[in-house]
C-alpha atoms as a PDB file:
ATOM      1  CA  MET A   1     -95.199 -19.515  40.796  1.00  0.00           C
ATOM      2  CA  THR A   2     -91.939 -20.089  40.147  1.00  0.00           C
ATOM      3  CA  THR A   3     -91.415 -19.178  36.815  1.00  0.00           C
ATOM      4  CA  ASP A   4     -93.356 -16.019  37.705  1.00  0.00           C
ATOM      5  CA  LEU A   5     -90.659 -15.196  39.927  1.00  0.00           C
ATOM      6  CA  HIS A   6     -87.760 -16.078  37.466  1.00  0.00           C
ATOM      7  CA  HIS A   7     -89.683 -13.880  34.602  1.00  0.00           C
ATOM      8  CA  PHE A   8     -89.799 -10.397  37.512  1.00  0.00           C
ATOM      9  CA  VAL A   9     -86.190 -10.897  38.942  1.00  0.00           C
ATOM     10  CA  THR A  10     -84.846 -10.573  35.290  1.00  0.00           C
ATOM     11  CA  GLY A  11     -86.321  -7.150  34.482  1.00  0.00           C
ATOM     12  CA  LEU A  12     -86.096  -6.435  38.486  1.00  0.00           C
ATOM     13  CA  PRO A  13     -83.065  -3.226  39.037  1.00  0.00           C
ATOM     14  CA  LYS A  14     -80.581  -4.130  40.976  1.00  0.00           C
ATOM     15  CA  ALA A  15     -77.184  -3.559  41.992  1.00  0.00           C
ATOM     16  CA  GLU A  16     -74.071  -5.397  42.261  1.00  0.00           C
ATOM     17  CA  LEU A  17     -71.974  -4.588  45.191  1.00  0.00           C
ATOM     18  CA  HIS A  18     -68.970  -7.668  44.780  1.00  0.00           C
ATOM     19  CA  LEU A  19     -67.561  -8.578  41.890  1.00  0.00           C
ATOM     20  CA  HIS A  20     -64.283  -9.246  40.943  1.00  0.00           C
ATOM     21  CA  LEU A  21     -63.713  -7.473  37.305  1.00  0.00           C
ATOM     22  CA  GLU A  22     -60.697 -10.375  36.832  1.00  0.00           C
ATOM     23  CA  GLY A  23     -63.142 -12.721  37.923  1.00  0.00           C
ATOM     24  CA  SER A  24     -65.168 -12.302  34.282  1.00  0.00           C
ATOM     25  CA  LEU A  25     -62.846 -13.107  32.281  1.00  0.00           C
ATOM     26  CA  GLU A  26     -64.600 -15.946  30.380  1.00  0.00           C
ATOM     27  CA  PRO A  27     -62.752 -18.214  29.023  1.00  0.00           C
ATOM     28  CA  GLU A  28     -63.113 -17.199  25.282  1.00  0.00           C
ATOM     29  CA  GLN A  29     -61.848 -13.617  25.855  1.00  0.00           C
ATOM     30  CA  MET A  30     -58.778 -15.343  27.919  1.00  0.00           C
ATOM     31  CA  PHE A  31     -58.059 -17.688  24.802  1.00  0.00           C
ATOM     32  CA  GLU A  32     -58.334 -14.138  22.988  1.00  0.00           C
ATOM     33  CA  LEU A  33     -56.174 -12.074  24.664  1.00  0.00           C
ATOM     34  CA  ALA A  34     -53.286 -14.874  25.661  1.00  0.00           C
ATOM     35  CA  ALA A  35     -53.153 -14.778  21.677  1.00  0.00           C
ATOM     36  CA  ARG A  36     -53.241 -11.101  21.016  1.00  0.00           C
ATOM     37  CA  ASN A  37     -50.828 -10.665  23.952  1.00  0.00           C
ATOM     38  CA  ARG A  38     -48.588 -14.022  22.671  1.00  0.00           C
ATOM     39  CA  VAL A  39     -49.130 -14.766  26.224  1.00  0.00           C
ATOM     40  CA  ALA A  40     -48.393 -18.968  26.664  1.00  0.00           C
ATOM     41  CA  LEU A  41     -51.328 -20.895  28.308  1.00  0.00           C
ATOM     42  CA  LYS A  42     -51.340 -24.384  29.450  1.00  0.00           C
ATOM     43  CA  TYR A  43     -54.685 -24.781  28.086  1.00  0.00           C
ATOM     44  CA  ALA A  44     -54.352 -26.054  24.285  1.00  0.00           C
ATOM     45  CA  THR A  45     -58.201 -25.282  23.399  1.00  0.00           C
ATOM     46  CA  VAL A  46     -61.074 -22.958  25.499  1.00  0.00           C
ATOM     47  CA  GLU A  47     -62.256 -26.239  26.093  1.00  0.00           C
ATOM     48  CA  ASP A  48     -59.526 -26.978  28.235  1.00  0.00           C
ATOM     49  CA  ILE A  49     -59.837 -23.608  30.074  1.00  0.00           C
ATOM     50  CA  HIS A  50     -63.621 -24.788  30.851  1.00  0.00           C
ATOM     51  CA  ARG A  51     -62.104 -28.014  32.355  1.00  0.00           C
ATOM     52  CA  ALA A  52     -59.629 -26.054  34.329  1.00  0.00           C
ATOM     53  CA  TYR A  53     -62.477 -24.186  36.311  1.00  0.00           C
ATOM     54  CA  ASN A  54     -63.755 -27.422  38.086  1.00  0.00           C
ATOM     55  CA  PHE A  55     -62.428 -26.704  41.411  1.00  0.00           C
ATOM     56  CA  THR A  56     -63.312 -27.525  44.595  1.00  0.00           C
ATOM     57  CA  ASN A  57     -61.621 -24.761  47.044  1.00  0.00           C
ATOM     58  CA  LEU A  58     -60.858 -21.600  47.384  1.00  0.00           C
ATOM     59  CA  GLN A  59     -56.913 -22.051  46.967  1.00  0.00           C
ATOM     60  CA  GLU A  60     -57.799 -23.812  43.993  1.00  0.00           C
ATOM     61  CA  PHE A  61     -59.751 -21.152  42.215  1.00  0.00           C
ATOM     62  CA  LEU A  62     -57.219 -19.134  42.878  1.00  0.00           C
ATOM     63  CA  ASP A  63     -54.496 -21.256  41.197  1.00  0.00           C
ATOM     64  CA  VAL A  64     -56.724 -20.684  38.108  1.00  0.00           C
ATOM     65  CA  TYR A  65     -57.511 -16.889  38.629  1.00  0.00           C
ATOM     66  CA  TYR A  66     -53.871 -15.770  39.297  1.00  0.00           C
ATOM     67  CA  THR A  67     -53.332 -17.782  35.722  1.00  0.00           C
ATOM     68  CA  GLY A  68     -55.734 -16.247  33.708  1.00  0.00           C
ATOM     69  CA  MET A  69     -54.490 -12.600  35.390  1.00  0.00           C
ATOM     70  CA  SER A  70     -51.429 -13.160  32.816  1.00  0.00           C
ATOM     71  CA  VAL A  71     -53.278 -12.781  29.989  1.00  0.00           C
ATOM     72  CA  LEU A  72     -54.186  -8.646  30.742  1.00  0.00           C
ATOM     73  CA  GLN A  73     -51.317  -6.661  29.944  1.00  0.00           C
ATOM     74  CA  SER A  74     -52.559  -3.306  28.241  1.00  0.00           C
ATOM     75  CA  GLU A  75     -55.057  -1.088  28.691  1.00  0.00           C
ATOM     76  CA  GLN A  76     -56.963  -1.827  25.780  1.00  0.00           C
ATOM     77  CA  ASP A  77     -57.145  -5.214  27.666  1.00  0.00           C
ATOM     78  CA  PHE A  78     -58.265  -4.314  30.850  1.00  0.00           C
ATOM     79  CA  TYR A  79     -61.162  -1.574  29.071  1.00  0.00           C
ATOM     80  CA  GLU A  80     -62.535  -4.630  26.859  1.00  0.00           C
ATOM     81  CA  LEU A  81     -62.402  -6.972  30.785  1.00  0.00           C
ATOM     82  CA  THR A  82     -64.668  -4.440  32.188  1.00  0.00           C
ATOM     83  CA  MET A  83     -66.761  -3.385  28.964  1.00  0.00           C
ATOM     84  CA  ALA A  84     -67.857  -7.636  28.471  1.00  0.00           C
ATOM     85  CA  TYR A  85     -68.709  -7.584  32.105  1.00  0.00           C
ATOM     86  CA  LEU A  86     -70.791  -4.043  31.921  1.00  0.00           C
ATOM     87  CA  ARG A  87     -72.871  -5.389  28.878  1.00  0.00           C
ATOM     88  CA  LYS A  88     -73.449  -8.353  31.018  1.00  0.00           C
ATOM     89  CA  ALA A  89     -74.726  -6.425  33.807  1.00  0.00           C
ATOM     90  CA  HIS A  90     -76.863  -4.217  31.630  1.00  0.00           C
ATOM     91  CA  ALA A  91     -78.597  -7.524  30.400  1.00  0.00           C
ATOM     92  CA  ASP A  92     -79.431  -8.314  33.989  1.00  0.00           C
ATOM     93  CA  THR A  93     -80.945  -5.082  34.602  1.00  0.00           C
ATOM     94  CA  VAL A  94     -78.088  -3.818  36.867  1.00  0.00           C
ATOM     95  CA  ARG A  95     -78.177  -0.191  37.399  1.00  0.00           C
ATOM     96  CA  HIS A  96     -75.224   0.510  39.670  1.00  0.00           C
ATOM     97  CA  VAL A  97     -72.082  -1.560  39.875  1.00  0.00           C
ATOM     98  CA  GLU A  98     -69.340  -0.961  43.103  1.00  0.00           C
ATOM     99  CA  VAL A  99     -66.448  -3.472  41.551  1.00  0.00           C
ATOM    100  CA  PHE A 100     -63.173  -4.381  42.741  1.00  0.00           C
ATOM    101  CA  PHE A 101     -59.751  -4.436  40.738  1.00  0.00           C
ATOM    102  CA  ASP A 102     -56.743  -6.419  41.944  1.00  0.00           C
ATOM    103  CA  PRO A 103     -53.686  -4.394  41.130  1.00  0.00           C
ATOM    104  CA  GLN A 104     -51.368  -6.438  43.297  1.00  0.00           C
ATOM    105  CA  GLY A 105     -51.777  -9.405  40.770  1.00  0.00           C
ATOM    106  CA  HIS A 106     -50.964  -7.111  37.795  1.00  0.00           C
ATOM    107  CA  THR A 107     -48.090  -4.965  39.438  1.00  0.00           C
ATOM    108  CA  GLN A 108     -46.069  -7.903  40.441  1.00  0.00           C
ATOM    109  CA  ARG A 109     -46.095  -9.086  36.499  1.00  0.00           C
ATOM    110  CA  GLY A 110     -44.823  -5.850  35.494  1.00  0.00           C
ATOM    111  CA  VAL A 111     -48.059  -3.884  34.649  1.00  0.00           C
ATOM    112  CA  SER A 112     -48.345  -0.521  35.649  1.00  0.00           C
ATOM    113  CA  PHE A 113     -50.851   0.335  37.819  1.00  0.00           C
ATOM    114  CA  ALA A 114     -51.717   3.358  35.745  1.00  0.00           C
ATOM    115  CA  THR A 115     -52.555   1.120  33.057  1.00  0.00           C
ATOM    116  CA  VAL A 116     -54.714  -1.447  35.044  1.00  0.00           C
ATOM    117  CA  ILE A 117     -56.894   1.781  36.338  1.00  0.00           C
ATOM    118  CA  THR A 118     -57.015   3.879  32.830  1.00  0.00           C
ATOM    119  CA  GLY A 119     -58.094   0.798  30.996  1.00  0.00           C
ATOM    120  CA  ILE A 120     -60.864   0.194  33.891  1.00  0.00           C
ATOM    121  CA  SER A 121     -62.180   3.467  34.602  1.00  0.00           C
ATOM    122  CA  LYS A 122     -62.306   4.373  30.621  1.00  0.00           C
ATOM    123  CA  ALA A 123     -64.736   1.082  30.521  1.00  0.00           C
ATOM    124  CA  LEU A 124     -66.658   2.457  33.981  1.00  0.00           C
ATOM    125  CA  LYS A 125     -67.269   5.917  32.392  1.00  0.00           C
ATOM    126  CA  ASP A 126     -68.217   4.547  28.740  1.00  0.00           C
ATOM    127  CA  GLY A 127     -70.455   2.153  30.137  1.00  0.00           C
ATOM    128  CA  GLN A 128     -72.245   4.778  32.371  1.00  0.00           C
ATOM    129  CA  ALA A 129     -72.881   6.511  28.946  1.00  0.00           C
ATOM    130  CA  LYS A 130     -73.973   3.618  26.702  1.00  0.00           C
ATOM    131  CA  TYR A 131     -75.762   1.474  29.746  1.00  0.00           C
ATOM    132  CA  GLY A 132     -76.980   4.111  32.136  1.00  0.00           C
ATOM    133  CA  ILE A 133     -74.602   1.563  34.494  1.00  0.00           C
ATOM    134  CA  SER A 134     -73.570   4.166  37.735  1.00  0.00           C
ATOM    135  CA  HIS A 135     -70.296   2.850  39.238  1.00  0.00           C
ATOM    136  CA  LYS A 136     -67.650   2.966  42.332  1.00  0.00           C
ATOM    137  CA  LEU A 137     -64.457   1.077  41.889  1.00  0.00           C
ATOM    138  CA  ILE A 138     -62.282  -0.435  44.739  1.00  0.00           C
ATOM    139  CA  MET A 139     -58.981  -1.200  44.937  1.00  0.00           C
ATOM    140  CA  CYS A 140     -58.201  -4.882  46.753  1.00  0.00           C
ATOM    141  CA  PHE A 141     -55.324  -5.656  48.664  1.00  0.00           C
ATOM    142  CA  LEU A 142     -54.598  -9.473  48.442  1.00  0.00           C
ATOM    143  CA  ARG A 143     -54.336 -10.861  51.941  1.00  0.00           C
ATOM    144  CA  HIS A 144     -51.401 -13.233  51.209  1.00  0.00           C
ATOM    145  CA  LEU A 145     -49.223 -10.758  50.411  1.00  0.00           C
ATOM    146  CA  SER A 146     -47.590  -9.112  53.020  1.00  0.00           C
ATOM    147  CA  GLU A 147     -49.113  -5.331  54.889  1.00  0.00           C
ATOM    148  CA  ARG A 148     -45.880  -3.829  53.513  1.00  0.00           C
ATOM    149  CA  ASP A 149     -47.240  -4.593  50.027  1.00  0.00           C
ATOM    150  CA  ALA A 150     -50.685  -3.285  50.754  1.00  0.00           C
ATOM    151  CA  PHE A 151     -48.664   0.183  51.572  1.00  0.00           C
ATOM    152  CA  THR A 152     -46.970  -0.163  48.464  1.00  0.00           C
ATOM    153  CA  THR A 153     -50.150  -0.216  46.969  1.00  0.00           C
ATOM    154  CA  LEU A 154     -51.998   1.681  48.512  1.00  0.00           C
ATOM    155  CA  GLU A 155     -49.366   4.505  47.751  1.00  0.00           C
ATOM    156  CA  GLN A 156     -49.097   3.922  43.615  1.00  0.00           C
ATOM    157  CA  ALA A 157     -52.900   4.716  44.191  1.00  0.00           C
ATOM    158  CA  ARG A 158     -52.775   8.173  45.513  1.00  0.00           C
ATOM    159  CA  ALA A 159     -52.039   9.506  42.194  1.00  0.00           C
ATOM    160  CA  HIS A 160     -55.545   8.333  41.276  1.00  0.00           C
ATOM    161  CA  LEU A 161     -57.564   8.935  43.967  1.00  0.00           C
ATOM    162  CA  ASP A 162     -59.726  11.136  41.663  1.00  0.00           C
ATOM    163  CA  LEU A 163     -60.774   7.361  40.480  1.00  0.00           C
ATOM    164  CA  ILE A 164     -60.930   5.014  43.360  1.00  0.00           C
ATOM    165  CA  ASP A 165     -63.556   5.198  46.138  1.00  0.00           C
ATOM    166  CA  GLY A 166     -62.952   2.301  48.471  1.00  0.00           C
ATOM    167  CA  VAL A 167     -60.349  -0.161  49.251  1.00  0.00           C
ATOM    168  CA  GLY A 168     -61.354  -3.547  50.047  1.00  0.00           C
ATOM    169  CA  LEU A 169     -59.462  -7.404  50.868  1.00  0.00           C
ATOM    170  CA  ASP A 170     -59.420 -10.508  49.678  1.00  0.00           C
ATOM    171  CA  SER A 171     -57.791 -13.699  48.139  1.00  0.00           C
ATOM    172  CA  SER A 172     -56.911 -16.508  50.382  1.00  0.00           C
ATOM    173  CA  GLU A 173     -58.524 -16.047  53.562  1.00  0.00           C
ATOM    174  CA  ILE A 174     -57.788 -18.585  55.983  1.00  0.00           C
ATOM    175  CA  GLY A 175     -54.388 -17.974  58.210  1.00  0.00           C
ATOM    176  CA  HIS A 176     -54.560 -14.090  56.615  1.00  0.00           C
ATOM    177  CA  PRO A 177     -56.952 -12.692  59.361  1.00  0.00           C
ATOM    178  CA  PRO A 178     -58.313  -8.856  58.665  1.00  0.00           C
ATOM    179  CA  SER A 179     -55.671  -7.821  61.701  1.00  0.00           C
ATOM    180  CA  LYS A 180     -52.867  -8.267  59.697  1.00  0.00           C
ATOM    181  CA  PHE A 181     -54.248  -4.938  57.362  1.00  0.00           C
ATOM    182  CA  LYS A 182     -55.259  -2.892  60.247  1.00  0.00           C
ATOM    183  CA  ARG A 183     -52.707  -0.150  59.610  1.00  0.00           C
ATOM    184  CA  VAL A 184     -53.179  -0.118  55.847  1.00  0.00           C
ATOM    185  CA  PHE A 185     -56.974   0.233  56.260  1.00  0.00           C
ATOM    186  CA  LYS A 186     -56.882   3.012  58.922  1.00  0.00           C
ATOM    187  CA  ALA A 187     -54.403   4.370  56.602  1.00  0.00           C
ATOM    188  CA  ALA A 188     -57.081   4.025  53.997  1.00  0.00           C
ATOM    189  CA  GLY A 189     -59.327   5.789  55.947  1.00  0.00           C
ATOM    190  CA  GLU A 190     -57.600   8.799  56.392  1.00  0.00           C
ATOM    191  CA  ILE A 191     -57.173   9.815  53.111  1.00  0.00           C
ATOM    192  CA  GLY A 192     -60.785   9.207  52.503  1.00  0.00           C
ATOM    193  CA  LEU A 193     -61.654   5.483  51.275  1.00  0.00           C
ATOM    194  CA  LEU A 194     -64.258   3.783  51.932  1.00  0.00           C
ATOM    195  CA  LYS A 195     -63.685   0.081  53.197  1.00  0.00           C
ATOM    196  CA  VAL A 196     -65.074  -2.876  53.013  1.00  0.00           C
ATOM    197  CA  ALA A 197     -63.218  -6.931  53.373  1.00  0.00           C
ATOM    198  CA  HIS A 198     -63.429 -10.206  52.718  1.00  0.00           C
ATOM    199  CA  ALA A 199     -64.593 -11.978  55.864  1.00  0.00           C
ATOM    200  CA  GLY A 200     -66.441 -15.011  56.971  1.00  0.00           C
ATOM    201  CA  GLU A 201     -66.251 -17.077  54.024  1.00  0.00           C
ATOM    202  CA  GLU A 202     -64.187 -20.204  54.256  1.00  0.00           C
ATOM    203  CA  GLY A 203     -63.037 -17.597  57.826  1.00  0.00           C
ATOM    204  CA  PRO A 204     -64.276 -17.807  61.254  1.00  0.00           C
ATOM    205  CA  PRO A 205     -66.880 -15.734  62.614  1.00  0.00           C
ATOM    206  CA  GLY A 206     -63.848 -14.124  64.768  1.00  0.00           C
ATOM    207  CA  TYR A 207     -63.153 -12.615  61.305  1.00  0.00           C
ATOM    208  CA  ILE A 208     -66.084 -10.979  60.354  1.00  0.00           C
ATOM    209  CA  GLU A 209     -65.694  -9.225  64.444  1.00  0.00           C
ATOM    210  CA  GLU A 210     -61.937  -8.544  63.312  1.00  0.00           C
ATOM    211  CA  ALA A 211     -63.233  -6.580  60.368  1.00  0.00           C
ATOM    212  CA  LEU A 212     -65.848  -4.639  62.142  1.00  0.00           C
ATOM    213  CA  ASP A 213     -63.587  -3.869  65.046  1.00  0.00           C
ATOM    214  CA  LEU A 214     -59.972  -3.470  63.400  1.00  0.00           C
ATOM    215  CA  LEU A 215     -60.534  -2.502  59.957  1.00  0.00           C
ATOM    216  CA  LYS A 216     -63.507  -0.365  61.064  1.00  0.00           C
ATOM    217  CA  VAL A 217     -65.702  -1.773  57.251  1.00  0.00           C
ATOM    218  CA  ASP A 218     -68.314   0.262  55.873  1.00  0.00           C
ATOM    219  CA  ARG A 219     -69.600  -3.515  54.350  1.00  0.00           C
ATOM    220  CA  ILE A 220     -69.121  -7.318  54.920  1.00  0.00           C
ATOM    221  CA  ASP A 221     -67.667  -9.302  51.637  1.00  0.00           C
ATOM    222  CA  HIS A 222     -69.551 -12.909  52.504  1.00  0.00           C
ATOM    223  CA  GLY A 223     -70.158 -12.917  55.675  1.00  0.00           C
ATOM    224  CA  ASN A 224     -71.724 -16.116  55.594  1.00  0.00           C
ATOM    225  CA  ARG A 225     -70.575 -17.880  58.967  1.00  0.00           C
ATOM    226  CA  SER A 226     -71.859 -15.064  61.094  1.00  0.00           C
ATOM    227  CA  MET A 227     -74.737 -17.685  61.075  1.00  0.00           C
ATOM    228  CA  GLU A 228     -72.597 -19.567  63.488  1.00  0.00           C
ATOM    229  CA  SER A 229     -72.466 -16.877  66.132  1.00  0.00           C
ATOM    230  CA  PRO A 230     -75.524 -15.241  67.324  1.00  0.00           C
ATOM    231  CA  VAL A 231     -74.280 -12.436  69.110  1.00  0.00           C
ATOM    232  CA  LEU A 232     -72.497 -11.547  65.740  1.00  0.00           C
ATOM    233  CA  LEU A 233     -76.180 -11.671  63.823  1.00  0.00           C
ATOM    234  CA  GLN A 234     -77.589  -9.699  66.323  1.00  0.00           C
ATOM    235  CA  ARG A 235     -74.880  -6.699  65.829  1.00  0.00           C
ATOM    236  CA  LEU A 236     -75.148  -7.420  62.008  1.00  0.00           C
ATOM    237  CA  ALA A 237     -78.825  -6.782  62.270  1.00  0.00           C
ATOM    238  CA  ASP A 238     -78.901  -4.003  64.407  1.00  0.00           C
ATOM    239  CA  GLN A 239     -76.011  -1.758  62.709  1.00  0.00           C
ATOM    240  CA  GLN A 240     -77.663  -2.453  59.397  1.00  0.00           C
ATOM    241  CA  MET A 241     -74.379  -4.012  58.042  1.00  0.00           C
ATOM    242  CA  THR A 242     -74.730  -4.692  54.710  1.00  0.00           C
ATOM    243  CA  LEU A 243     -73.376  -8.240  53.328  1.00  0.00           C
ATOM    244  CA  THR A 244     -72.436  -9.223  49.924  1.00  0.00           C
ATOM    245  CA  LEU A 245     -73.572 -13.151  49.506  1.00  0.00           C
ATOM    246  CA  CYS A 246     -72.351 -14.662  46.114  1.00  0.00           C
ATOM    247  CA  PRO A 247     -74.563 -18.062  46.144  1.00  0.00           C
ATOM    248  CA  LEU A 248     -73.435 -19.588  42.814  1.00  0.00           C
ATOM    249  CA  SER A 249     -69.586 -19.092  44.046  1.00  0.00           C
ATOM    250  CA  ASN A 250     -70.710 -20.394  47.539  1.00  0.00           C
ATOM    251  CA  LEU A 251     -71.819 -23.586  46.071  1.00  0.00           C
ATOM    252  CA  LYS A 252     -68.956 -23.639  43.666  1.00  0.00           C
ATOM    253  CA  LEU A 253     -66.282 -23.417  46.100  1.00  0.00           C
ATOM    254  CA  CYS A 254     -68.201 -25.991  48.184  1.00  0.00           C
ATOM    255  CA  VAL A 255     -68.689 -22.968  51.244  1.00  0.00           C
ATOM    256  CA  ILE A 256     -72.188 -24.545  50.922  1.00  0.00           C
ATOM    257  CA  ASP A 257     -72.731 -28.540  49.470  1.00  0.00           C
ATOM    258  CA  ASP A 258     -76.003 -27.443  48.139  1.00  0.00           C
ATOM    259  CA  MET A 259     -78.047 -24.656  47.034  1.00  0.00           C
ATOM    260  CA  THR A 260     -80.929 -25.504  49.259  1.00  0.00           C
ATOM    261  CA  ASP A 261     -78.343 -25.295  52.034  1.00  0.00           C
ATOM    262  CA  HIS A 262     -77.544 -21.495  51.381  1.00  0.00           C
ATOM    263  CA  PRO A 263     -78.234 -19.005  54.596  1.00  0.00           C
ATOM    264  CA  ILE A 264     -79.690 -15.793  52.346  1.00  0.00           C
ATOM    265  CA  LYS A 265     -83.349 -16.381  53.071  1.00  0.00           C
ATOM    266  CA  ARG A 266     -82.840 -17.191  57.011  1.00  0.00           C
ATOM    267  CA  MET A 267     -80.584 -14.054  57.190  1.00  0.00           C
ATOM    268  CA  LEU A 268     -83.320 -12.249  55.520  1.00  0.00           C
ATOM    269  CA  ALA A 269     -85.651 -13.427  58.162  1.00  0.00           C
ATOM    270  CA  ARG A 270     -83.296 -12.088  61.202  1.00  0.00           C
ATOM    271  CA  GLY A 271     -83.720  -8.634  59.959  1.00  0.00           C
ATOM    272  CA  LEU A 272     -79.556  -8.588  57.670  1.00  0.00           C
ATOM    273  CA  GLN A 273     -79.295  -6.312  55.163  1.00  0.00           C
ATOM    274  CA  VAL A 274     -78.378  -9.184  52.540  1.00  0.00           C
ATOM    275  CA  THR A 275     -77.288  -8.855  49.363  1.00  0.00           C
ATOM    276  CA  VAL A 276     -77.135 -10.606  46.053  1.00  0.00           C
ATOM    277  CA  ASN A 277     -73.790 -10.834  43.710  1.00  0.00           C
ATOM    278  CA  SER A 278     -71.620 -12.800  41.623  1.00  0.00           C
ATOM    279  CA  ASP A 279     -68.269 -12.499  42.664  1.00  0.00           C
ATOM    280  CA  ASP A 280     -66.255 -14.007  39.627  1.00  0.00           C
ATOM    281  CA  PRO A 281     -69.011 -14.763  37.594  1.00  0.00           C
ATOM    282  CA  SER A 282     -67.083 -16.230  34.843  1.00  0.00           C
ATOM    283  CA  TYR A 283     -65.216 -18.892  37.619  1.00  0.00           C
ATOM    284  CA  PHE A 284     -68.489 -19.980  39.364  1.00  0.00           C
ATOM    285  CA  GLY A 285     -70.912 -20.089  36.756  1.00  0.00           C
ATOM    286  CA  GLY A 286     -73.053 -17.283  36.620  1.00  0.00           C
ATOM    287  CA  TYR A 287     -73.507 -13.283  36.433  1.00  0.00           C
ATOM    288  CA  VAL A 288     -76.623 -11.661  39.112  1.00  0.00           C
ATOM    289  CA  ASN A 289     -79.320 -12.905  37.537  1.00  0.00           C
ATOM    290  CA  ASP A 290     -78.087 -16.460  37.674  1.00  0.00           C
ATOM    291  CA  ASN A 291     -77.720 -16.092  41.013  1.00  0.00           C
ATOM    292  CA  TYR A 292     -81.355 -15.048  41.765  1.00  0.00           C
ATOM    293  CA  HIS A 293     -82.186 -17.147  39.503  1.00  0.00           C
ATOM    294  CA  ALA A 294     -80.769 -20.442  41.976  1.00  0.00           C
ATOM    295  CA  LEU A 295     -81.773 -19.271  44.763  1.00  0.00           C
ATOM    296  CA  ILE A 296     -85.472 -18.688  43.888  1.00  0.00           C
ATOM    297  CA  ASP A 297     -85.098 -22.526  42.824  1.00  0.00           C
ATOM    298  CA  ALA A 298     -83.726 -23.826  46.050  1.00  0.00           C
ATOM    299  CA  LEU A 299     -84.940 -21.716  48.549  1.00  0.00           C
ATOM    300  CA  GLU A 300     -88.804 -21.043  47.354  1.00  0.00           C
ATOM    301  CA  LEU A 301     -88.018 -17.368  47.864  1.00  0.00           C
ATOM    302  CA  THR A 302     -91.194 -14.520  47.652  1.00  0.00           C
ATOM    303  CA  ARG A 303     -91.645 -11.661  45.445  1.00  0.00           C
ATOM    304  CA  GLY A 304     -91.494  -9.666  48.541  1.00  0.00           C
ATOM    305  CA  ASP A 305     -87.973 -11.376  49.524  1.00  0.00           C
ATOM    306  CA  LEU A 306     -86.832 -10.306  45.774  1.00  0.00           C
ATOM    307  CA  ILE A 307     -87.761  -6.921  46.495  1.00  0.00           C
ATOM    308  CA  GLN A 308     -86.399  -6.689  49.459  1.00  0.00           C
ATOM    309  CA  LEU A 309     -82.760  -8.165  48.040  1.00  0.00           C
ATOM    310  CA  ALA A 310     -83.232  -5.274  45.506  1.00  0.00           C
ATOM    311  CA  LYS A 311     -83.548  -2.707  47.664  1.00  0.00           C
ATOM    312  CA  ASN A 312     -80.931  -3.994  49.917  1.00  0.00           C
ATOM    313  CA  SER A 313     -78.316  -4.034  46.990  1.00  0.00           C
ATOM    314  CA  PHE A 314     -79.608   0.032  46.669  1.00  0.00           C
ATOM    315  CA  THR A 315     -79.501   0.649  50.108  1.00  0.00           C
ATOM    316  CA  GLY A 316     -76.071  -1.002  51.027  1.00  0.00           C
ATOM    317  CA  SER A 317     -74.494   0.826  48.010  1.00  0.00           C
ATOM    318  CA  PHE A 318     -72.278   3.761  48.593  1.00  0.00           C
ATOM    319  CA  LEU A 319     -74.388   5.851  46.243  1.00  0.00           C
ATOM    320  CA  SER A 320     -75.794   9.232  47.808  1.00  0.00           C
ATOM    321  CA  THR A 321     -79.133   9.253  49.480  1.00  0.00           C
ATOM    322  CA  GLU A 322     -80.707  10.855  46.725  1.00  0.00           C
ATOM    323  CA  LYS A 323     -80.000   8.513  44.042  1.00  0.00           C
ATOM    324  CA  LYS A 324     -80.655   5.346  46.202  1.00  0.00           C
ATOM    325  CA  ALA A 325     -83.992   7.094  46.747  1.00  0.00           C
ATOM    326  CA  ALA A 326     -84.203   7.839  42.783  1.00  0.00           C
ATOM    327  CA  TYR A 327     -83.179   3.788  42.053  1.00  0.00           C
ATOM    328  CA  LEU A 328     -85.421   2.416  45.179  1.00  0.00           C
ATOM    329  CA  GLN A 329     -88.204   3.935  43.083  1.00  0.00           C
ATOM    330  CA  GLU A 330     -87.443   2.464  40.310  1.00  0.00           C
ATOM    331  CA  ILE A 331     -88.047  -0.948  41.985  1.00  0.00           C
ATOM    332  CA  GLY A 332     -91.354   0.415  43.181  1.00  0.00           C
ATOM    333  CA  GLN A 333     -92.718   1.227  39.240  1.00  0.00           C
ATOM    334  CA  HIS A 334     -91.608  -2.222  38.604  1.00  0.00           C
ATOM    335  CA  SER A 335     -92.883  -4.036  41.800  1.00  0.00           C
ATOM    336  CA  THR A 336     -96.798  -2.299  40.727  1.00  0.00           C
ATOM    337  CA  SER A 337     -95.993  -3.296  36.723  1.00  0.00           C
END
């Protein structure tokens, strides 16, 4: 039965709503770009980079993550990074992606906002033509930096609003509550950008409530710790607020001790609109199908659960009603084939 489910989910049409492009930088590509751009890494070999991925918490991961960013310098680098991800998404039967990028991680190094977004956007366009993968692009603010820095980034984005669909909030969660960015999220909403935020991964349930009440987000990224608050769980279910869960990420960062502890099946049972995503797949051990496979092995998900998770990934997306319907129909065709 499990073998049948693995086979079924491999070809199941799905969307990915929580993917950091910089987090899809594989060690081999990091090493290649470092050589091309003459960036001195503290790793002598690709194997050394792989070993550096043995972190145990979010901050240790972020330290390695920002080191990896340093090799991304040209428009071509960002193009190749994005295309490499889209090839893997296509292999996983991903039909639509809503990807994050962290402009502050690059502009602070002297790489222009235009360089970053132009390379990414060209690849997303080419990926749609080559693989048929539709897309939305979400610009994230780094929460360990100031709100003033976030406002500067929002100002830099104004010249490129035709390429940006929304704003997000990521990086170190503890000590940096959503309320810190209330004004900049309000400003982003006023210029027509959708809003999402990481909340309740390592931070408390109150961070999720702040994201909902103060940032007025359209979607919650992670949200695992909502399980600690029955009132919040009911609110999320009543509002059909989408949560973008990342199982392998949760395991790697010790948000859970074992995949059998992951709350996604219990969340489904409570009527929450949860989705499966890969977060930073190069660092966390797998892309979106790898996350589905890990859940199948650990939680005894049913065929119906898998179909619901795939449907949630489209209904929770920022696609038009018509496009959502088309993708849902594709899921129906796969499910009856």
